């Protein structure tokens, strides 16, 4: 119901929609509408109420809610199937693997506002504070051989680097095998995990932690010299929802390309963006 209310208000930007009209279109009482409005306000939606004019949606919270994602997502597959959303979780990779083992469709994603046990390569922890980054895992079921699976980490790194540049103008570099850096500091970490037979991949989970709106003081002392965020690099807050869309679009395009044409083009792009080689 709340999704339908938001859709209705969103169809009339900068305009009031009367409670009577909302009640009529959604076939619920005005009292029920009022209660849903209070819940939306508590969730961070800024909704202006006028006793004679009705309700107007002023701003949306920067939350990665499934219905907000689907409203703006420009992909054909990624995020269009299942979206497993959590306010807080140990690790999105762990949740994505659970769903993959249960048979979730390719393109399903798991994301959380926060992670308590975010992981990087070699089981290193990844700082994942609530509402400050994109903590995301994507389930793929690729047709290629298991020995090509490690290249998916490189593929994801290229896609995320390009998405960041296209949306924010920030030029990052890729440090082999799984980090994206800005001026020598980590801004993204990628963790790829696979379930496979000898000659076939059952699924690959690509997890990524993107430091979006973390300020210097919020990083733990031990990370302040080695980590940064997009907002620190850009000098402004970055929309997590818009960046998520850009990342999924780039990742889907790169994935489709390697399935159709192989890894050659992607590896050339990785070499171009690599700070390890450069």
Protein backbone atom coordinates (compact mmCIF):
# COMPACT_ATOMS: atom_id res chain seq x y z
CA UNK A 1 0.00 0.00 0.00
CA UNK A 2 2.77 2.46 0.89
CA UNK A 3 4.43 1.77 -2.45
CA UNK A 4 1.18 2.65 -4.24
CA UNK A 5 0.84 5.86 -2.20
CA UNK A 6 4.37 6.88 -3.16
CA UNK A 7 3.69 6.09 -6.81
CA UNK A 8 0.55 8.24 -6.73
CA UNK A 9 2.31 11.17 -5.05
CA UNK A 10 5.24 10.76 -7.44
CA UNK A 11 2.92 11.18 -10.40
CA UNK A 12 2.17 14.72 -9.18
CA UNK A 13 5.55 16.29 -8.35
CA UNK A 14 5.32 19.63 -6.54
CA UNK A 15 1.54 19.22 -6.36
CA UNK A 16 -0.85 18.29 -3.59
CA UNK A 17 -3.04 15.22 -3.92
CA UNK A 18 -6.15 15.24 -1.76
CA UNK A 19 -6.69 12.54 0.82
CA UNK A 20 -10.08 11.93 -0.76
CA UNK A 21 -8.49 11.30 -4.16
CA UNK A 22 -5.87 8.94 -2.72
CA UNK A 23 -8.58 7.12 -0.78
CA UNK A 24 -10.72 6.78 -3.90
CA UNK A 25 -7.91 5.49 -6.13
CA UNK A 26 -6.58 3.01 -3.60
CA UNK A 27 -9.98 1.98 -2.22
CA UNK A 28 -9.07 2.47 1.44
CA UNK A 29 -10.30 4.85 4.12
CA UNK A 30 -8.80 8.29 4.66
CA UNK A 31 -7.88 7.19 8.17
CA UNK A 32 -5.83 4.34 6.70
CA UNK A 33 -4.16 6.79 4.30
CA UNK A 34 -3.23 9.05 7.22
CA UNK A 35 -1.68 6.13 9.12
CA UNK A 36 0.38 5.11 6.08
CA UNK A 37 1.57 8.71 5.69
CA UNK A 38 2.83 8.70 9.29
CA UNK A 39 4.73 5.47 8.65
CA UNK A 40 6.31 6.93 5.51
CA UNK A 41 7.36 10.05 7.42
CA UNK A 42 8.98 7.89 10.08
CA UNK A 43 10.88 6.08 7.31
CA UNK A 44 12.36 9.40 6.18
CA UNK A 45 9.99 10.56 3.45
CA UNK A 46 9.28 14.28 3.74
CA UNK A 47 5.55 14.57 3.09
CA UNK A 48 3.81 17.90 3.48
CA UNK A 49 0.19 17.73 4.68
CA UNK A 50 -2.30 20.56 4.14
CA UNK A 51 -5.76 20.39 5.74
CA UNK A 52 -7.52 21.57 2.56
CA UNK A 53 -5.15 20.54 -0.23
CA UNK A 54 -3.99 17.09 0.84
CA UNK A 55 -0.49 15.60 0.67
CA UNK A 56 2.65 16.48 -1.26
CA UNK A 57 5.88 14.47 -1.49
CA UNK A 58 8.83 16.85 -1.02
CA UNK A 59 11.85 14.57 -0.66
CA UNK A 60 12.66 10.87 -0.49
CA UNK A 61 15.18 9.36 1.93
CA UNK A 62 18.43 8.00 0.55
CA UNK A 63 17.43 4.42 1.32
CA UNK A 64 18.04 1.50 -1.01
CA UNK A 65 14.50 0.17 -0.74
CA UNK A 66 13.44 -2.37 -3.38
CA UNK A 67 10.54 -0.31 -4.72
CA UNK A 68 12.75 2.79 -4.92
CA UNK A 69 15.38 0.79 -6.81
CA UNK A 70 12.88 -0.62 -9.28
CA UNK A 71 11.41 2.83 -9.96
CA UNK A 72 14.72 4.05 -11.38
CA UNK A 73 16.53 0.88 -12.50
CA UNK A 74 17.51 0.79 -16.18
CA UNK A 75 18.67 -2.83 -16.46
CA UNK A 76 17.12 -5.79 -18.23
CA UNK A 77 18.16 -8.45 -15.71
CA UNK A 78 20.21 -7.29 -12.72
CA UNK A 79 17.91 -6.26 -9.90
CA UNK A 80 14.83 -7.02 -11.97
CA UNK A 81 14.31 -10.45 -10.47
CA UNK A 82 14.63 -10.74 -6.72
CA UNK A 83 15.90 -7.97 -4.44
CA UNK A 84 16.79 -9.18 -0.95
CA UNK A 85 16.90 -6.06 1.22
CA UNK A 86 18.15 -5.84 4.80
CA UNK A 87 18.43 -2.99 7.25
CA UNK A 88 21.36 -4.79 8.88
CA UNK A 89 23.03 -8.08 8.06
CA UNK A 90 26.32 -9.84 8.72
CA UNK A 91 27.30 -10.06 5.04
CA UNK A 92 25.35 -9.60 1.81
CA UNK A 93 27.53 -12.29 0.19
CA UNK A 94 26.40 -14.78 2.81
CA UNK A 95 22.75 -13.92 2.16
CA UNK A 96 23.19 -14.02 -1.62
CA UNK A 97 24.80 -17.47 -1.41
CA UNK A 98 21.91 -18.72 0.71
CA UNK A 99 19.44 -17.59 -1.92
CA UNK A 100 21.58 -18.93 -4.77
CA UNK A 101 21.66 -22.34 -3.10
CA UNK A 102 17.86 -22.18 -2.88
CA UNK A 103 17.66 -21.56 -6.63
CA UNK A 104 17.09 -17.82 -6.92
CA UNK A 105 17.17 -16.55 -10.52
CA UNK A 106 20.22 -15.05 -12.15
CA UNK A 107 20.36 -11.30 -11.65
CA UNK A 108 19.04 -11.42 -8.08
CA UNK A 109 20.72 -8.98 -5.72
CA UNK A 110 21.17 -8.75 -1.97
CA UNK A 111 21.87 -5.43 -0.34
CA UNK A 112 21.87 -4.00 3.13
CA UNK A 113 21.97 -0.58 4.74
CA UNK A 114 24.72 -1.92 7.02
CA UNK A 115 26.92 -4.99 7.47
CA UNK A 116 28.26 -6.21 10.79
CA UNK A 117 30.73 -8.67 9.25
CA UNK A 118 31.45 -7.27 5.80
CA UNK A 119 34.29 -9.21 4.21
CA UNK A 120 37.01 -8.54 1.72
CA UNK A 121 39.68 -10.75 0.21
CA UNK A 122 41.44 -13.18 2.57
CA UNK A 123 38.55 -12.73 5.06
CA UNK A 124 39.62 -9.19 5.89
CA UNK A 125 36.82 -7.10 7.40
CA UNK A 126 35.19 -4.25 5.47
CA UNK A 127 33.83 -1.23 7.35
CA UNK A 128 30.14 -0.99 6.37
CA UNK A 129 28.25 1.68 8.37
CA UNK A 130 24.50 2.16 8.04
CA UNK A 131 23.30 4.34 5.19
CA UNK A 132 26.80 5.39 4.19
CA UNK A 133 27.67 3.03 1.35
CA UNK A 134 26.49 0.44 -1.12
CA UNK A 135 26.88 -3.02 0.37
CA UNK A 136 25.75 -5.22 -2.49
CA UNK A 137 25.97 -8.79 -3.80
CA UNK A 138 24.89 -9.96 -7.26
CA UNK A 139 24.03 -13.55 -8.20
CA UNK A 140 25.16 -14.69 -11.67
CA UNK A 141 24.89 -18.07 -13.33
CA UNK A 142 27.37 -17.71 -16.21
CA UNK A 143 27.80 -20.28 -18.99
CA UNK A 144 31.59 -20.17 -19.04
CA UNK A 145 34.09 -22.57 -17.45
CA UNK A 146 35.05 -22.38 -13.76
CA UNK A 147 38.63 -21.40 -14.60
CA UNK A 148 37.27 -18.10 -15.97
CA UNK A 149 35.47 -17.25 -12.72
CA UNK A 150 38.30 -15.09 -11.26
CA UNK A 151 37.90 -12.77 -14.23
CA UNK A 152 34.49 -11.81 -12.85
CA UNK A 153 36.29 -9.85 -10.13
CA UNK A 154 38.11 -7.88 -12.83
CA UNK A 155 34.87 -7.46 -14.77
CA UNK A 156 33.12 -6.03 -11.70
CA UNK A 157 36.04 -3.71 -10.96
CA UNK A 158 35.92 -2.29 -14.48
CA UNK A 159 32.14 -1.85 -14.33
CA UNK A 160 32.17 -0.10 -10.95
CA UNK A 161 35.08 2.16 -11.91
CA UNK A 162 33.26 3.23 -15.08
CA UNK A 163 29.99 3.76 -13.20
CA UNK A 164 31.69 5.97 -10.62
CA UNK A 165 33.34 8.08 -13.31
CA UNK A 166 30.19 8.45 -15.41
CA UNK A 167 28.04 9.48 -12.45
CA UNK A 168 30.42 11.52 -10.31
CA UNK A 169 33.31 12.47 -12.57
CA UNK A 170 35.73 10.88 -10.10
CA UNK A 171 38.55 8.99 -11.80
CA UNK A 172 39.58 5.90 -9.85
CA UNK A 173 42.07 3.14 -10.56
CA UNK A 174 41.96 -0.61 -10.04
CA UNK A 175 44.52 -2.29 -7.80
CA UNK A 176 44.87 -6.00 -8.56
CA UNK A 177 42.98 -8.05 -7.81
CA UNK A 178 39.96 -6.57 -6.09
CA UNK A 179 40.34 -2.99 -4.86
CA UNK A 180 39.40 0.31 -6.46
CA UNK A 181 41.47 3.26 -5.30
CA UNK A 182 41.20 7.03 -5.36
CA UNK A 183 44.53 8.81 -4.94
CA UNK A 184 46.00 5.67 -3.39
CA UNK A 185 43.19 5.06 -0.90
CA UNK A 186 40.60 2.27 -0.99
CA UNK A 187 37.15 3.37 -2.05
CA UNK A 188 35.69 0.03 -3.24
CA UNK A 189 36.36 -3.60 -2.38
CA UNK A 190 35.13 -6.58 -4.39
CA UNK A 191 34.75 -10.20 -3.27
CA UNK A 192 33.79 -12.92 -5.76
CA UNK A 193 32.72 -16.37 -4.55
CA UNK A 194 31.81 -19.39 -6.65
CA UNK A 195 29.91 -22.65 -6.38
CA UNK A 196 30.85 -25.02 -9.21
CA UNK A 197 31.26 -28.55 -10.50
CA UNK A 198 34.40 -29.68 -12.33
CA UNK A 199 33.28 -28.28 -15.67
CA UNK A 200 30.34 -25.98 -14.88
CA UNK A 201 29.55 -23.02 -12.64
CA UNK A 202 26.43 -23.32 -10.51
CA UNK A 203 26.59 -19.68 -9.49
CA UNK A 204 28.92 -16.79 -8.86
CA UNK A 205 28.26 -14.16 -6.21
CA UNK A 206 29.98 -10.83 -6.78
CA UNK A 207 30.02 -8.77 -3.61
CA UNK A 208 31.07 -5.17 -3.45
CA UNK A 209 31.46 -2.56 -0.78
CA UNK A 210 31.42 1.02 -2.07
CA UNK A 211 32.28 3.80 0.37
CA UNK A 212 29.80 6.48 -0.68
CA UNK A 213 29.05 9.08 2.00
CA UNK A 214 31.46 8.26 4.82
CA UNK A 215 33.35 11.24 6.22
CA UNK A 216 36.89 11.15 7.55
CA UNK A 217 35.86 11.15 11.21
CA UNK A 218 33.53 8.18 10.73
CA UNK A 219 36.29 5.84 9.59
CA UNK A 220 37.97 3.84 12.39
CA UNK A 221 41.39 5.21 13.31
CA UNK A 222 43.17 2.30 11.65
CA UNK A 223 41.50 3.04 8.28
CA UNK A 224 41.79 6.82 8.06
CA UNK A 225 45.12 6.74 6.27
CA UNK A 226 44.17 3.98 3.82
CA UNK A 227 40.46 4.46 3.02
CA UNK A 228 38.31 7.21 1.56
CA UNK A 229 34.81 7.73 0.17
CA UNK A 230 33.18 9.19 -2.92
CA UNK A 231 31.73 12.11 -0.97
CA UNK A 232 35.19 12.99 0.35
CA UNK A 233 36.60 12.81 -3.17
CA UNK A 234 33.77 14.81 -4.73
CA UNK A 235 33.30 17.31 -1.92
CA UNK A 236 29.55 16.64 -1.90
CA UNK A 237 27.04 13.96 -0.98
CA UNK A 238 26.43 11.28 -3.61
CA UNK A 239 23.04 9.66 -4.24
CA UNK A 240 23.40 6.00 -3.38
CA UNK A 241 20.29 5.13 -5.37
CA UNK A 242 21.61 6.77 -8.54
CA UNK A 243 25.03 5.19 -8.11
CA UNK A 244 23.51 1.74 -7.55
CA UNK A 245 21.60 2.11 -10.81
CA UNK A 246 24.77 3.14 -12.66
CA UNK A 247 26.75 0.21 -11.21
CA UNK A 248 24.13 -2.38 -12.15
CA UNK A 249 23.79 -0.97 -15.67
CA UNK A 250 27.56 -1.07 -16.26
CA UNK A 251 27.89 -4.53 -14.73
CA UNK A 252 25.07 -5.93 -16.84
CA UNK A 253 26.52 -4.49 -20.04
CA UNK A 254 29.98 -5.86 -19.24
CA UNK A 255 28.56 -9.28 -18.34
CA UNK A 256 26.53 -9.48 -21.55
CA UNK A 257 29.60 -8.51 -23.56
CA UNK A 258 31.86 -11.22 -22.12
CA UNK A 259 29.17 -13.87 -22.68
CA UNK A 260 28.79 -12.85 -26.32
CA UNK A 261 32.36 -11.91 -27.21
CA UNK A 262 34.69 -13.27 -24.53
CA UNK A 263 36.93 -11.48 -22.04
CA UNK A 264 39.37 -9.79 -24.42
CA UNK A 265 37.73 -6.34 -24.52
CA UNK A 266 37.10 -6.33 -20.78
CA UNK A 267 40.72 -7.25 -20.02
CA UNK A 268 41.91 -4.40 -22.23
CA UNK A 269 39.73 -2.01 -20.21
CA UNK A 270 41.03 -3.47 -16.97
CA UNK A 271 44.63 -2.90 -18.09
CA UNK A 272 43.78 0.69 -19.01
CA UNK A 273 42.31 1.35 -15.57
CA UNK A 274 44.86 -0.65 -13.58
CA UNK A 275 47.14 1.21 -11.18
CA UNK A 276 49.03 -2.05 -10.62
CA UNK A 277 50.16 -2.18 -14.24
CA UNK A 278 50.25 1.58 -14.72
